[in-house]
Amino acid sequence: MEIIPRTLADNAGLKSEAIIAEMYAKNKDGCKFGIDVNDGKVKDVVEAKILDPIETKSWALKLCFDVVITILKVDSIIMAKPAGGPNMDKAARRPDGYDG
């Protein structure tokens, strides 16, 4: 789950490596620290009243999984379709000439 604070820090123009290191250091005391992108500091999110509902994160993850599943399904369909070409009729016939 390191990607969320890293992306927030990058998008806010902050040094994400320093922010992540500071978050790891502060999270030893408890896991209620996050980034305040207004001033670029790692703060106690409850004191700073920076709250992110779990519903938002759960829907974001659900939609990401849906996208990945759709991409994999499309890729499977593309891979399963036989490749056509100018000699498709010859390739479909048996090598012994039997047309069945």
PDB file of N, CA and C in Angstrom:
ATOM      1  N   MET A   1       0.827  -1.203   0.000  1.00  0.00           N
ATOM      2  CA  MET A   1       0.000   0.000   0.000  1.00  0.00           C
ATOM      3  C   MET A   1       0.867   1.261   0.000  1.00  0.00           C
ATOM      4  N   GLU A   2       2.102   1.111  -0.359  1.00  0.00           N
ATOM      5  CA  GLU A   2       3.011   2.246  -0.416  1.00  0.00           C
ATOM      6  C   GLU A   2       2.736   3.131  -1.628  1.00  0.00           C
ATOM      7  N   ILE A   3       2.054   2.595  -2.622  1.00  0.00           N
ATOM      8  CA  ILE A   3       1.852   3.320  -3.873  1.00  0.00           C
ATOM      9  C   ILE A   3       0.964   4.552  -3.696  1.00  0.00           C
ATOM     10  N   ILE A   4       0.006   4.494  -2.777  1.00  0.00           N
ATOM     11  CA  ILE A   4      -0.915   5.626  -2.604  1.00  0.00           C
ATOM     12  C   ILE A   4      -0.182   6.852  -2.067  1.00  0.00           C
ATOM     13  N   PRO A   5       0.551   6.762  -0.955  1.00  0.00           N
ATOM     14  CA  PRO A   5       1.267   7.967  -0.512  1.00  0.00           C
ATOM     15  C   PRO A   5       2.360   8.403  -1.482  1.00  0.00           C
ATOM     16  N   ARG A   6       2.982   7.446  -2.179  1.00  0.00           N
ATOM     17  CA  ARG A   6       4.021   7.818  -3.151  1.00  0.00           C
ATOM     18  C   ARG A   6       3.408   8.625  -4.298  1.00  0.00           C
ATOM     19  N   THR A   7       2.256   8.184  -4.793  1.00  0.00           N
ATOM     20  CA  THR A   7       1.586   8.896  -5.882  1.00  0.00           C
ATOM     21  C   THR A   7       1.105  10.267  -5.426  1.00  0.00           C
ATOM     22  N   LEU A   8       0.548  10.324  -4.214  1.00  0.00           N
ATOM     23  CA  LEU A   8       0.114  11.620  -3.677  1.00  0.00           C
ATOM     24  C   LEU A   8       1.290  12.589  -3.569  1.00  0.00           C
ATOM     25  N   ALA A   9       2.415  12.100  -3.062  1.00  0.00           N
ATOM     26  CA  ALA A   9       3.586  12.967  -2.912  1.00  0.00           C
ATOM     27  C   ALA A   9       4.105  13.416  -4.275  1.00  0.00           C
ATOM     28  N   ASP A  10       4.191  12.503  -5.233  1.00  0.00           N
ATOM     29  CA  ASP A  10       4.658  12.871  -6.570  1.00  0.00           C
ATOM     30  C   ASP A  10       3.739  13.890  -7.226  1.00  0.00           C
ATOM     31  N   ASN A  11       2.440  13.675  -7.127  1.00  0.00           N
ATOM     32  CA  ASN A  11       1.483  14.593  -7.749  1.00  0.00           C
ATOM     33  C   ASN A  11       1.457  15.956  -7.072  1.00  0.00           C
ATOM     34  N   ALA A  12       1.841  16.004  -5.797  1.00  0.00           N
ATOM     35  CA  ALA A  12       1.881  17.281  -5.077  1.00  0.00           C
ATOM     36  C   ALA A  12       3.214  17.994  -5.262  1.00  0.00           C
ATOM     37  N   GLY A  13       4.142  17.360  -5.977  1.00  0.00           N
ATOM     38  CA  GLY A  13       5.442  17.979  -6.203  1.00  0.00           C
ATOM     39  C   GLY A  13       6.398  17.817  -5.040  1.00  0.00           C
ATOM     40  N   LEU A  14       6.168  16.819  -4.201  1.00  0.00           N
ATOM     41  CA  LEU A  14       7.023  16.574  -3.048  1.00  0.00           C
ATOM     42  C   LEU A  14       8.014  15.457  -3.365  1.00  0.00           C
ATOM     43  N   LYS A  15       9.042  15.340  -2.539  1.00  0.00           N
ATOM     44  CA  LYS A  15      10.019  14.262  -2.699  1.00  0.00           C
ATOM     45  C   LYS A  15       9.429  13.006  -2.070  1.00  0.00           C
ATOM     46  N   SER A  16       8.977  12.101  -2.924  1.00  0.00           N
ATOM     47  CA  SER A  16       8.249  10.933  -2.432  1.00  0.00           C
ATOM     48  C   SER A  16       9.121  10.013  -1.578  1.00  0.00           C
ATOM     49  N   GLU A  17      10.407   9.894  -1.890  1.00  0.00           N
ATOM     50  CA  GLU A  17      11.275   9.015  -1.105  1.00  0.00           C
ATOM     51  C   GLU A  17      11.390   9.506   0.334  1.00  0.00           C
ATOM     52  N   ALA A  18      11.534  10.816   0.503  1.00  0.00           N
ATOM     53  CA  ALA A  18      11.638  11.388   1.852  1.00  0.00           C
ATOM     54  C   ALA A  18      10.321  11.234   2.609  1.00  0.00           C
ATOM     55  N   ILE A  19       9.208  11.429   1.921  1.00  0.00           N
ATOM     56  CA  ILE A  19       7.892  11.298   2.557  1.00  0.00           C
ATOM     57  C   ILE A  19       7.660   9.859   3.004  1.00  0.00           C
ATOM     58  N   ILE A  20       7.973   8.888   2.134  1.00  0.00           N
ATOM     59  CA  ILE A  20       7.785   7.476   2.467  1.00  0.00           C
ATOM     60  C   ILE A  20       8.658   7.088   3.656  1.00  0.00           C
ATOM     61  N   ALA A  21       9.921   7.543   3.666  1.00  0.00           N
ATOM     62  CA  ALA A  21      10.819   7.237   4.782  1.00  0.00           C
ATOM     63  C   ALA A  21      10.286   7.824   6.088  1.00  0.00           C
ATOM     64  N   GLU A  22       9.785   9.050   6.028  1.00  0.00           N
ATOM     65  CA  GLU A  22       9.230   9.688   7.224  1.00  0.00           C
ATOM     66  C   GLU A  22       7.962   8.973   7.704  1.00  0.00           C
ATOM     67  N   MET A  23       7.150   8.513   6.752  1.00  0.00           N
ATOM     68  CA  MET A  23       5.942   7.776   7.131  1.00  0.00           C
ATOM     69  C   MET A  23       6.293   6.452   7.804  1.00  0.00           C
ATOM     70  N   TYR A  24       7.301   5.739   7.276  1.00  0.00           N
ATOM     71  CA  TYR A  24       7.727   4.490   7.911  1.00  0.00           C
ATOM     72  C   TYR A  24       8.235   4.754   9.331  1.00  0.00           C
ATOM     73  N   ALA A  25       8.995   5.829   9.500  1.00  0.00           N
ATOM     74  CA  ALA A  25       9.529   6.157  10.825  1.00  0.00           C
ATOM     75  C   ALA A  25       8.409   6.482  11.818  1.00  0.00           C
ATOM     76  N   LYS A  26       7.423   7.239  11.374  1.00  0.00           N
ATOM     77  CA  LYS A  26       6.331   7.626  12.274  1.00  0.00           C
ATOM     78  C   LYS A  26       5.328   6.508  12.497  1.00  0.00           C
ATOM     79  N   ASN A  27       5.182   5.607  11.535  1.00  0.00           N
ATOM     80  CA  ASN A  27       4.211   4.531  11.686  1.00  0.00           C
ATOM     81  C   ASN A  27       4.642   3.481  12.702  1.00  0.00           C
ATOM     82  N   LYS A  28       5.871   3.551  13.203  1.00  0.00           N
ATOM     83  CA  LYS A  28       6.285   2.677  14.294  1.00  0.00           C
ATOM     84  C   LYS A  28       5.518   3.016  15.567  1.00  0.00           C
ATOM     85  N   ASP A  29       5.107   4.290  15.695  1.00  0.00           N
ATOM     86  CA  ASP A  29       4.349   4.742  16.869  1.00  0.00           C
ATOM     87  C   ASP A  29       2.864   4.429  16.736  1.00  0.00           C
ATOM     88  N   GLY A  30       2.406   4.145  15.566  1.00  0.00           N
ATOM     89  CA  GLY A  30       0.992   3.872  15.296  1.00  0.00           C
ATOM     90  C   GLY A  30       0.733   4.123  13.822  1.00  0.00           C
ATOM     91  N   CYS A  31      -0.337   3.551  13.314  1.00  0.00           N
ATOM     92  CA  CYS A  31      -0.562   3.668  11.870  1.00  0.00           C
ATOM     93  C   CYS A  31      -1.643   4.698  11.556  1.00  0.00           C
ATOM     94  N   LYS A  32      -1.532   5.852  12.151  1.00  0.00           N
ATOM     95  CA  LYS A  32      -2.499   6.911  11.859  1.00  0.00           C
ATOM     96  C   LYS A  32      -1.820   8.164  11.311  1.00  0.00           C
ATOM     97  N   PHE A  33      -0.739   7.953  10.569  1.00  0.00           N
ATOM     98  CA  PHE A  33      -0.017   9.076   9.982  1.00  0.00           C
ATOM     99  C   PHE A  33      -0.189   9.077   8.474  1.00  0.00           C
ATOM    100  N   GLY A  34      -0.243  10.264   7.901  1.00  0.00           N
ATOM    101  CA  GLY A  34      -0.411  10.417   6.468  1.00  0.00           C
ATOM    102  C   GLY A  34       0.187  11.732   6.005  1.00  0.00           C
ATOM    103  N   ILE A  35       0.054  12.001   4.731  1.00  0.00           N
ATOM    104  CA  ILE A  35       0.644  13.199   4.128  1.00  0.00           C
ATOM    105  C   ILE A  35      -0.384  14.323   4.101  1.00  0.00           C
ATOM    106  N   ASP A  36       0.046  15.501   4.534  1.00  0.00           N
ATOM    107  CA  ASP A  36      -0.737  16.715   4.320  1.00  0.00           C
ATOM    108  C   ASP A  36      -0.081  17.423   3.138  1.00  0.00           C
ATOM    109  N   VAL A  37      -0.698  17.334   1.967  1.00  0.00           N
ATOM    110  CA  VAL A  37      -0.065  17.876   0.759  1.00  0.00           C
ATOM    111  C   VAL A  37      -0.066  19.400   0.732  1.00  0.00           C
ATOM    112  N   ASN A  38      -0.813  20.046   1.630  1.00  0.00           N
ATOM    113  CA  ASN A  38      -0.796  21.511   1.676  1.00  0.00           C
ATOM    114  C   ASN A  38       0.552  22.039   2.140  1.00  0.00           C
ATOM    115  N   ASP A  39       1.148  21.389   3.135  1.00  0.00           N
ATOM    116  CA  ASP A  39       2.450  21.845   3.609  1.00  0.00           C
ATOM    117  C   ASP A  39       3.557  20.806   3.415  1.00  0.00           C
ATOM    118  N   GLY A  40       3.213  19.624   2.898  1.00  0.00           N
ATOM    119  CA  GLY A  40       4.210  18.614   2.587  1.00  0.00           C
ATOM    120  C   GLY A  40       4.764  17.870   3.782  1.00  0.00           C
ATOM    121  N   LYS A  41       4.024  17.845   4.880  1.00  0.00           N
ATOM    122  CA  LYS A  41       4.514  17.184   6.086  1.00  0.00           C
ATOM    123  C   LYS A  41       3.690  15.938   6.384  1.00  0.00           C
ATOM    124  N   VAL A  42       4.330  14.998   7.075  1.00  0.00           N
ATOM    125  CA  VAL A  42       3.645  13.803   7.542  1.00  0.00           C
ATOM    126  C   VAL A  42       3.057  14.135   8.905  1.00  0.00           C
ATOM    127  N   LYS A  43       1.736  13.945   9.029  1.00  0.00           N
ATOM    128  CA  LYS A  43       1.036  14.343  10.255  1.00  0.00           C
ATOM    129  C   LYS A  43       0.137  13.226  10.746  1.00  0.00           C
ATOM    130  N   ASP A  44      -0.295  13.375  11.974  1.00  0.00           N
ATOM    131  CA  ASP A  44      -1.329  12.503  12.528  1.00  0.00           C
ATOM    132  C   ASP A  44      -2.631  12.894  11.825  1.00  0.00           C
ATOM    133  N   VAL A  45      -3.204  11.977  11.072  1.00  0.00           N
ATOM    134  CA  VAL A  45      -4.356  12.319  10.246  1.00  0.00           C
ATOM    135  C   VAL A  45      -5.600  12.604  11.074  1.00  0.00           C
ATOM    136  N   VAL A  46      -5.696  12.038  12.258  1.00  0.00           N
ATOM    137  CA  VAL A  46      -6.860  12.308  13.105  1.00  0.00           C
ATOM    138  C   VAL A  46      -6.790  13.726  13.650  1.00  0.00           C
ATOM    139  N   GLU A  47      -5.612  14.138  14.124  1.00  0.00           N
ATOM    140  CA  GLU A  47      -5.439  15.513  14.620  1.00  0.00           C
ATOM    141  C   GLU A  47      -5.636  16.540  13.510  1.00  0.00           C
ATOM    142  N   ALA A  48      -5.105  16.252  12.322  1.00  0.00           N
ATOM    143  CA  ALA A  48      -5.192  17.184  11.201  1.00  0.00           C
ATOM    144  C   ALA A  48      -6.539  17.111  10.487  1.00  0.00           C
ATOM    145  N   LYS A  49      -7.397  16.163  10.905  1.00  0.00           N
ATOM    146  CA  LYS A  49      -8.719  15.955  10.309  1.00  0.00           C
ATOM    147  C   LYS A  49      -8.623  15.677   8.808  1.00  0.00           C
ATOM    148  N   ILE A  50      -7.639  14.832   8.447  1.00  0.00           N
ATOM    149  CA  ILE A  50      -7.487  14.372   7.071  1.00  0.00           C
ATOM    150  C   ILE A  50      -8.032  12.955   7.055  1.00  0.00           C
ATOM    151  N   LEU A  51      -9.230  12.792   6.581  1.00  0.00           N
ATOM    152  CA  LEU A  51      -9.873  11.489   6.616  1.00  0.00           C
ATOM    153  C   LEU A  51     -10.213  11.041   5.203  1.00  0.00           C
ATOM    154  N   ASP A  52     -10.009   9.771   4.942  1.00  0.00           N
ATOM    155  CA  ASP A  52     -10.295   9.182   3.649  1.00  0.00           C
ATOM    156  C   ASP A  52     -11.169   7.964   3.902  1.00  0.00           C
ATOM    157  N   PRO A  53     -12.406   8.008   3.486  1.00  0.00           N
ATOM    158  CA  PRO A  53     -13.288   6.883   3.785  1.00  0.00           C
ATOM    159  C   PRO A  53     -12.848   5.597   3.086  1.00  0.00           C
ATOM    160  N   ILE A  54     -12.999   4.480   3.769  1.00  0.00           N
ATOM    161  CA  ILE A  54     -12.619   3.181   3.225  1.00  0.00           C
ATOM    162  C   ILE A  54     -13.468   2.835   1.995  1.00  0.00           C
ATOM    163  N   GLU A  55     -14.667   3.388   1.926  1.00  0.00           N
ATOM    164  CA  GLU A  55     -15.547   3.126   0.782  1.00  0.00           C
ATOM    165  C   GLU A  55     -14.898   3.597  -0.527  1.00  0.00           C
ATOM    166  N   THR A  56     -14.222   4.733  -0.480  1.00  0.00           N
ATOM    167  CA  THR A  56     -13.542   5.250  -1.670  1.00  0.00           C
ATOM    168  C   THR A  56     -12.449   4.298  -2.132  1.00  0.00           C
ATOM    169  N   LYS A  57     -11.651   3.829  -1.188  1.00  0.00           N
ATOM    170  CA  LYS A  57     -10.558   2.917  -1.535  1.00  0.00           C
ATOM    171  C   LYS A  57     -11.092   1.578  -2.032  1.00  0.00           C
ATOM    172  N   SER A  58     -12.155   1.087  -1.406  1.00  0.00           N
ATOM    173  CA  SER A  58     -12.684  -0.210  -1.830  1.00  0.00           C
ATOM    174  C   SER A  58     -13.241  -0.131  -3.255  1.00  0.00           C
ATOM    175  N   TRP A  59     -13.915   0.961  -3.599  1.00  0.00           N
ATOM    176  CA  TRP A  59     -14.429   1.106  -4.965  1.00  0.00           C
ATOM    177  C   TRP A  59     -13.297   1.289  -5.961  1.00  0.00           C
ATOM    178  N   ALA A  60     -12.246   2.006  -5.567  1.00  0.00           N
ATOM    179  CA  ALA A  60     -11.097   2.176  -6.466  1.00  0.00           C
ATOM    180  C   ALA A  60     -10.452   0.825  -6.760  1.00  0.00           C
ATOM    181  N   LEU A  61     -10.278   0.000  -5.742  1.00  0.00           N
ATOM    182  CA  LEU A  61      -9.704  -1.324  -5.948  1.00  0.00           C
ATOM    183  C   LEU A  61     -10.620  -2.201  -6.788  1.00  0.00           C
ATOM    184  N   LYS A  62     -11.924  -2.143  -6.527  1.00  0.00           N
ATOM    185  CA  LYS A  62     -12.877  -2.949  -7.292  1.00  0.00           C
ATOM    186  C   LYS A  62     -12.822  -2.576  -8.773  1.00  0.00           C
ATOM    187  N   LEU A  63     -12.803  -1.288  -9.066  1.00  0.00           N
ATOM    188  CA  LEU A  63     -12.768  -0.847 -10.457  1.00  0.00           C
ATOM    189  C   LEU A  63     -11.434  -1.198 -11.123  1.00  0.00           C
ATOM    190  N   CYS A  64     -10.345  -1.151 -10.373  1.00  0.00           N
ATOM    191  CA  CYS A  64      -9.045  -1.563 -10.934  1.00  0.00           C
ATOM    192  C   CYS A  64      -9.060  -3.039 -11.297  1.00  0.00           C
ATOM    193  N   PHE A  65      -9.619  -3.858 -10.409  1.00  0.00           N
ATOM    194  CA  PHE A  65      -9.692  -5.289 -10.698  1.00  0.00           C
ATOM    195  C   PHE A  65     -10.578  -5.556 -11.916  1.00  0.00           C
ATOM    196  N   ASP A  66     -11.675  -4.821 -12.031  1.00  0.00           N
ATOM    197  CA  ASP A  66     -12.548  -4.985 -13.196  1.00  0.00           C
ATOM    198  C   ASP A  66     -11.813  -4.659 -14.494  1.00  0.00           C
ATOM    199  N   VAL A  67     -10.998  -3.613 -14.480  1.00  0.00           N
ATOM    200  CA  VAL A  67     -10.234  -3.233 -15.666  1.00  0.00           C
ATOM    201  C   VAL A  67      -9.242  -4.329 -16.027  1.00  0.00           C
ATOM    202  N   VAL A  68      -8.539  -4.843 -15.024  1.00  0.00           N
ATOM    203  CA  VAL A  68      -7.547  -5.894 -15.282  1.00  0.00           C
ATOM    204  C   VAL A  68      -8.216  -7.146 -15.840  1.00  0.00           C
ATOM    205  N   ILE A  69      -9.347  -7.533 -15.261  1.00  0.00           N
ATOM    206  CA  ILE A  69     -10.055  -8.724 -15.735  1.00  0.00           C
ATOM    207  C   ILE A  69     -10.522  -8.529 -17.179  1.00  0.00           C
ATOM    208  N   THR A  70     -11.025  -7.340 -17.493  1.00  0.00           N
ATOM    209  CA  THR A  70     -11.469  -7.057 -18.859  1.00  0.00           C
ATOM    210  C   THR A  70     -10.305  -7.135 -19.837  1.00  0.00           C
ATOM    211  N   ILE A  71      -9.165  -6.577 -19.458  1.00  0.00           N
ATOM    212  CA  ILE A  71      -7.990  -6.618 -20.339  1.00  0.00           C
ATOM    213  C   ILE A  71      -7.548  -8.057 -20.561  1.00  0.00           C
ATOM    214  N   LEU A  72      -7.550  -8.865 -19.509  1.00  0.00           N
ATOM    215  CA  LEU A  72      -7.154 -10.262 -19.653  1.00  0.00           C
ATOM    216  C   LEU A  72      -8.139 -11.034 -20.530  1.00  0.00           C
ATOM    217  N   LYS A  73      -9.433 -10.747 -20.407  1.00  0.00           N
ATOM    218  CA  LYS A  73     -10.423 -11.419 -21.246  1.00  0.00           C
ATOM    219  C   LYS A  73     -10.237 -11.055 -22.713  1.00  0.00           C
ATOM    220  N   VAL A  74     -10.012  -9.772 -22.990  1.00  0.00           N
ATOM    221  CA  VAL A  74      -9.808  -9.332 -24.370  1.00  0.00           C
ATOM    222  C   VAL A  74      -8.550  -9.967 -24.929  1.00  0.00           C
ATOM    223  N   ASP A  75      -7.503 -10.023 -24.122  1.00  0.00           N
ATOM    224  CA  ASP A  75      -6.264 -10.643 -24.564  1.00  0.00           C
ATOM    225  C   ASP A  75      -6.478 -12.118 -24.866  1.00  0.00           C
ATOM    226  N   SER A  76      -7.277 -12.809 -24.070  1.00  0.00           N
ATOM    227  CA  SER A  76      -7.568 -14.228 -24.311  1.00  0.00           C
ATOM    228  C   SER A  76      -8.345 -14.403 -25.608  1.00  0.00           C
ATOM    229  N   ILE A  77      -9.278 -13.516 -25.884  1.00  0.00           N
ATOM    230  CA  ILE A  77     -10.058 -13.598 -27.118  1.00  0.00           C
ATOM    231  C   ILE A  77      -9.153 -13.382 -28.324  1.00  0.00           C
ATOM    232  N   ILE A  78      -8.268 -12.410 -28.232  1.00  0.00           N
ATOM    233  CA  ILE A  78      -7.361 -12.125 -29.341  1.00  0.00           C
ATOM    234  C   ILE A  78      -6.416 -13.308 -29.569  1.00  0.00           C
ATOM    235  N   MET A  79      -5.924 -13.906 -28.490  1.00  0.00           N
ATOM    236  CA  MET A  79      -4.996 -15.035 -28.622  1.00  0.00           C
ATOM    237  C   MET A  79      -5.706 -16.278 -29.164  1.00  0.00           C
ATOM    238  N   ALA A  80      -7.002 -16.444 -28.848  1.00  0.00           N
ATOM    239  CA  ALA A  80      -7.734 -17.634 -29.276  1.00  0.00           C
ATOM    240  C   ALA A  80      -8.159 -17.568 -30.736  1.00  0.00           C
ATOM    241  N   LYS A  81      -8.265 -16.369 -31.295  1.00  0.00           N
ATOM    242  CA  LYS A  81      -8.709 -16.223 -32.679  1.00  0.00           C
ATOM    243  C   LYS A  81      -7.601 -16.675 -33.617  1.00  0.00           C
ATOM    244  N   PRO A  82      -7.899 -17.576 -34.550  1.00  0.00           N
ATOM    245  CA  PRO A  82      -6.859 -18.014 -35.481  1.00  0.00           C
ATOM    246  C   PRO A  82      -6.467 -16.867 -36.411  1.00  0.00           C
ATOM    247  N   ALA A  83      -5.211 -16.811 -36.694  1.00  0.00           N
ATOM    248  CA  ALA A  83      -4.714 -15.754 -37.566  1.00  0.00           C
ATOM    249  C   ALA A  83      -5.096 -16.068 -39.004  1.00  0.00           C
ATOM    250  N   GLY A  84      -5.642 -15.111 -39.674  1.00  0.00           N
ATOM    251  CA  GLY A  84      -6.012 -15.286 -41.075  1.00  0.00           C
ATOM    252  C   GLY A  84      -4.880 -14.832 -41.974  1.00  0.00           C
ATOM    253  N   GLY A  85      -4.999 -15.129 -43.210  1.00  0.00           N
ATOM    254  CA  GLY A  85      -3.974 -14.716 -44.157  1.00  0.00           C
ATOM    255  C   GLY A  85      -4.331 -15.219 -45.541  1.00  0.00           C
ATOM    256  N   PRO A  86      -3.497 -14.961 -46.509  1.00  0.00           N
ATOM    257  CA  PRO A  86      -3.815 -15.354 -47.878  1.00  0.00           C
ATOM    258  C   PRO A  86      -3.863 -16.870 -48.087  1.00  0.00           C
ATOM    259  N   ASN A  87      -3.173 -17.654 -47.293  1.00  0.00           N
ATOM    260  CA  ASN A  87      -3.132 -19.103 -47.464  1.00  0.00           C
ATOM    261  C   ASN A  87      -3.951 -19.820 -46.385  1.00  0.00           C
ATOM    262  N   MET A  88      -4.978 -19.197 -45.877  1.00  0.00           N
ATOM    263  CA  MET A  88      -5.776 -19.771 -44.799  1.00  0.00           C
ATOM    264  C   MET A  88      -6.475 -21.059 -45.248  1.00  0.00           C
ATOM    265  N   ASP A  89      -6.948 -21.130 -46.487  1.00  0.00           N
ATOM    266  CA  ASP A  89      -7.626 -22.331 -46.973  1.00  0.00           C
ATOM    267  C   ASP A  89      -6.679 -23.524 -47.010  1.00  0.00           C
ATOM    268  N   LYS A  90      -5.466 -23.304 -47.447  1.00  0.00           N
ATOM    269  CA  LYS A  90      -4.490 -24.391 -47.525  1.00  0.00           C
ATOM    270  C   LYS A  90      -4.088 -24.865 -46.130  1.00  0.00           C
ATOM    271  N   ALA A  91      -3.989 -23.960 -45.198  1.00  0.00           N
ATOM    272  CA  ALA A  91      -3.566 -24.318 -43.840  1.00  0.00           C
ATOM    273  C   ALA A  91      -4.643 -25.117 -43.127  1.00  0.00           C
ATOM    274  N   ALA A  92      -5.910 -24.912 -43.477  1.00  0.00           N
ATOM    275  CA  ALA A  92      -7.006 -25.603 -42.813  1.00  0.00           C
ATOM    276  C   ALA A  92      -7.139 -27.045 -43.283  1.00  0.00           C
ATOM    277  N   ARG A  93      -6.612 -27.368 -44.441  1.00  0.00           N
ATOM    278  CA  ARG A  93      -6.716 -28.732 -44.968  1.00  0.00           C
ATOM    279  C   ARG A  93      -5.716 -29.654 -44.288  1.00  0.00           C
ATOM    280  N   ARG A  94      -6.069 -30.916 -44.260  1.00  0.00           N
ATOM    281  CA  ARG A  94      -5.168 -31.910 -43.694  1.00  0.00           C
ATOM    282  C   ARG A  94      -4.022 -32.162 -44.649  1.00  0.00           C
ATOM    283  N   PRO A  95      -2.865 -32.514 -44.127  1.00  0.00           N
ATOM    284  CA  PRO A  95      -1.695 -32.724 -45.002  1.00  0.00           C
ATOM    285  C   PRO A  95      -1.874 -33.904 -45.961  1.00  0.00           C
ATOM    286  N   ASP A  96      -2.740 -34.874 -45.627  1.00  0.00           N
ATOM    287  CA  ASP A  96      -2.897 -36.022 -46.517  1.00  0.00           C
ATOM    288  C   ASP A  96      -3.913 -35.751 -47.634  1.00  0.00           C
ATOM    289  N   GLY A  97      -4.487 -34.517 -47.662  1.00  0.00           N
ATOM    290  CA  GLY A  97      -5.410 -34.158 -48.729  1.00  0.00           C
ATOM    291  C   GLY A  97      -6.835 -34.531 -48.475  1.00  0.00           C
ATOM    292  N   TYR A  98      -7.118 -35.139 -47.344  1.00  0.00           N
ATOM    293  CA  TYR A  98      -8.500 -35.571 -47.035  1.00  0.00           C
ATOM    294  C   TYR A  98      -9.338 -34.355 -46.700  1.00  0.00           C
ATOM    295  N   ASP A  99     -10.463 -34.127 -47.391  1.00  0.00           N
ATOM    296  CA  ASP A  99     -11.331 -32.970 -47.158  1.00  0.00           C
ATOM    297  C   ASP A  99     -12.552 -33.336 -46.341  1.00  0.00           C
ATOM    298  N   GLY A 100     -12.737 -34.539 -45.958  1.00  0.00           N
ATOM    299  CA  GLY A 100     -13.699 -35.001 -45.065  1.00  0.00           C
ATOM    300  C   GLY A 100     -15.077 -35.037 -45.304  1.00  0.00           C
TER     301      GLY A 100
END
